[in-house]
Amino acid sequence: MYIGGYYVHPEMGVHLHCIGVTSPMHTKNDEVHFIIEDNFGNLSTFRTDDPPVGFIVSNIAEFAEAWYNGIDPTKPTES
């Protein structure tokens, strides 16, 4: 996994974007974690030496498609 990378878990349909790393966190035994966002807008972290299982490399186009869930972001939506 690397910063700026995109990943997908094909069976779960969850997409991840790695947006950075933390400094050693005193609340996590001085571990360094990747900071990730998923296609639902959630932020999370996980240890750099323990990436999530089942995710494979993806790309920004697949992440964006999952993010918008088939909705064209350039067209206004009805409320």
C-alpha atoms as a PDB file:
ATOM      1  CA  MET A   1       0.000   0.000   0.000  1.00  0.00           C
ATOM      2  CA  TYR A   2       1.212   3.530  -0.700  1.00  0.00           C
ATOM      3  CA  ILE A   3       0.036   7.102  -0.164  1.00  0.00           C
ATOM      4  CA  GLY A   4      -2.189   8.186  -3.035  1.00  0.00           C
ATOM      5  CA  GLY A   5      -3.035   4.579  -3.938  1.00  0.00           C
ATOM      6  CA  TYR A   6      -6.523   3.234  -4.606  1.00  0.00           C
ATOM      7  CA  TYR A   7      -7.690  -0.228  -3.571  1.00  0.00           C
ATOM      8  CA  VAL A   8     -10.844  -2.320  -3.816  1.00  0.00           C
ATOM      9  CA  HIS A   9     -12.198  -5.395  -2.073  1.00  0.00           C
ATOM     10  CA  PRO A  10     -14.048  -7.037  -4.993  1.00  0.00           C
ATOM     11  CA  GLU A  11     -16.258  -9.276  -2.865  1.00  0.00           C
ATOM     12  CA  MET A  12     -17.354  -6.543  -0.444  1.00  0.00           C
ATOM     13  CA  GLY A  13     -17.541  -3.693  -2.971  1.00  0.00           C
ATOM     14  CA  VAL A  14     -15.564  -1.390  -0.690  1.00  0.00           C
ATOM     15  CA  HIS A  15     -13.048   1.022  -2.207  1.00  0.00           C
ATOM     16  CA  LEU A  16     -10.192   2.652  -0.291  1.00  0.00           C
ATOM     17  CA  HIS A  17      -7.966   5.645  -0.987  1.00  0.00           C
ATOM     18  CA  CYS A  18      -4.786   5.975   1.069  1.00  0.00           C
ATOM     19  CA  ILE A  19      -4.471   9.690   1.878  1.00  0.00           C
ATOM     20  CA  GLY A  20      -1.506   9.749   4.250  1.00  0.00           C
ATOM     21  CA  VAL A  21       0.320   8.349   7.242  1.00  0.00           C
ATOM     22  CA  THR A  22       0.314   9.354  10.876  1.00  0.00           C
ATOM     23  CA  SER A  23       3.208  10.273  13.083  1.00  0.00           C
ATOM     24  CA  PRO A  24       3.888   7.651  15.750  1.00  0.00           C
ATOM     25  CA  MET A  25       0.687   7.719  17.822  1.00  0.00           C
ATOM     26  CA  HIS A  26       1.085   7.707  21.601  1.00  0.00           C
ATOM     27  CA  THR A  27      -2.409   6.209  21.955  1.00  0.00           C
ATOM     28  CA  LYS A  28      -1.409   3.249  19.753  1.00  0.00           C
ATOM     29  CA  ASN A  29       1.960   2.250  21.265  1.00  0.00           C
ATOM     30  CA  ASP A  30       3.864   4.638  18.953  1.00  0.00           C
ATOM     31  CA  GLU A  31       2.652   2.770  15.859  1.00  0.00           C
ATOM     32  CA  VAL A  32       2.528   4.498  12.469  1.00  0.00           C
ATOM     33  CA  HIS A  33      -0.787   4.087  10.619  1.00  0.00           C
ATOM     34  CA  PHE A  34      -2.000   4.666   7.080  1.00  0.00           C
ATOM     35  CA  ILE A  35      -4.928   7.104   6.908  1.00  0.00           C
ATOM     36  CA  ILE A  36      -7.590   5.933   4.466  1.00  0.00           C
ATOM     37  CA  GLU A  37     -10.971   7.062   3.211  1.00  0.00           C
ATOM     38  CA  ASP A  38     -13.569   4.712   1.800  1.00  0.00           C
ATOM     39  CA  ASN A  39     -16.160   5.269  -0.907  1.00  0.00           C
ATOM     40  CA  PHE A  40     -18.776   6.055   1.772  1.00  0.00           C
ATOM     41  CA  GLY A  41     -16.800   9.029   3.126  1.00  0.00           C
ATOM     42  CA  ASN A  42     -15.505   7.307   6.251  1.00  0.00           C
ATOM     43  CA  LEU A  43     -11.971   7.921   7.513  1.00  0.00           C
ATOM     44  CA  SER A  44      -9.991   5.211   9.238  1.00  0.00           C
ATOM     45  CA  THR A  45      -6.441   4.123  10.011  1.00  0.00           C
ATOM     46  CA  PHE A  46      -4.567   0.850  10.131  1.00  0.00           C
ATOM     47  CA  ARG A  47      -1.008  -0.122  10.902  1.00  0.00           C
ATOM     48  CA  THR A  48       1.452   0.173   8.046  1.00  0.00           C
ATOM     49  CA  ASP A  49       2.677  -3.365   8.735  1.00  0.00           C
ATOM     50  CA  ASP A  50      -0.846  -4.859   8.781  1.00  0.00           C
ATOM     51  CA  PRO A  51      -2.811  -3.828   5.657  1.00  0.00           C
ATOM     52  CA  PRO A  52      -6.436  -4.983   5.319  1.00  0.00           C
ATOM     53  CA  VAL A  53      -6.882  -8.441   3.826  1.00  0.00           C
ATOM     54  CA  GLY A  54      -8.591  -8.978   0.467  1.00  0.00           C
ATOM     55  CA  PHE A  55      -7.944  -5.548  -1.087  1.00  0.00           C
ATOM     56  CA  ILE A  56      -6.316  -5.295  -4.514  1.00  0.00           C
ATOM     57  CA  VAL A  57      -4.966  -2.320  -6.462  1.00  0.00           C
ATOM     58  CA  SER A  58      -7.623  -0.158  -8.112  1.00  0.00           C
ATOM     59  CA  ASN A  59      -7.644   3.326  -9.671  1.00  0.00           C
ATOM     60  CA  ILE A  60      -9.209   6.761  -9.251  1.00  0.00           C
ATOM     61  CA  ALA A  61     -11.873   6.138 -11.910  1.00  0.00           C
ATOM     62  CA  GLU A  62     -13.225   3.059 -10.104  1.00  0.00           C
ATOM     63  CA  PHE A  63     -13.079   4.877  -6.745  1.00  0.00           C
ATOM     64  CA  ALA A  64     -14.979   7.886  -8.151  1.00  0.00           C
ATOM     65  CA  GLU A  65     -17.611   5.652  -9.725  1.00  0.00           C
ATOM     66  CA  ALA A  66     -18.156   3.895  -6.390  1.00  0.00           C
ATOM     67  CA  TRP A  67     -18.153   7.250  -4.555  1.00  0.00           C
ATOM     68  CA  TYR A  68     -20.909   8.693  -6.753  1.00  0.00           C
ATOM     69  CA  ASN A  69     -22.711   5.346  -6.949  1.00  0.00           C
ATOM     70  CA  GLY A  70     -23.755   5.830 -10.573  1.00  0.00           C
ATOM     71  CA  ILE A  71     -24.902   9.451 -10.105  1.00  0.00           C
ATOM     72  CA  ASP A  72     -23.459  11.954 -12.591  1.00  0.00           C
ATOM     73  CA  PRO A  73     -21.729  14.566 -10.380  1.00  0.00           C
ATOM     74  CA  THR A  74     -22.056  17.237 -13.065  1.00  0.00           C
ATOM     75  CA  LYS A  75     -25.868  17.131 -13.091  1.00  0.00           C
ATOM     76  CA  PRO A  76     -27.999  18.580 -10.279  1.00  0.00           C
ATOM     77  CA  THR A  77     -30.027  16.094  -8.307  1.00  0.00           C
ATOM     78  CA  GLU A  78     -33.617  16.439  -7.257  1.00  0.00           C
ATOM     79  CA  SER A  79     -34.336  16.856  -3.592  1.00  0.00           C
END
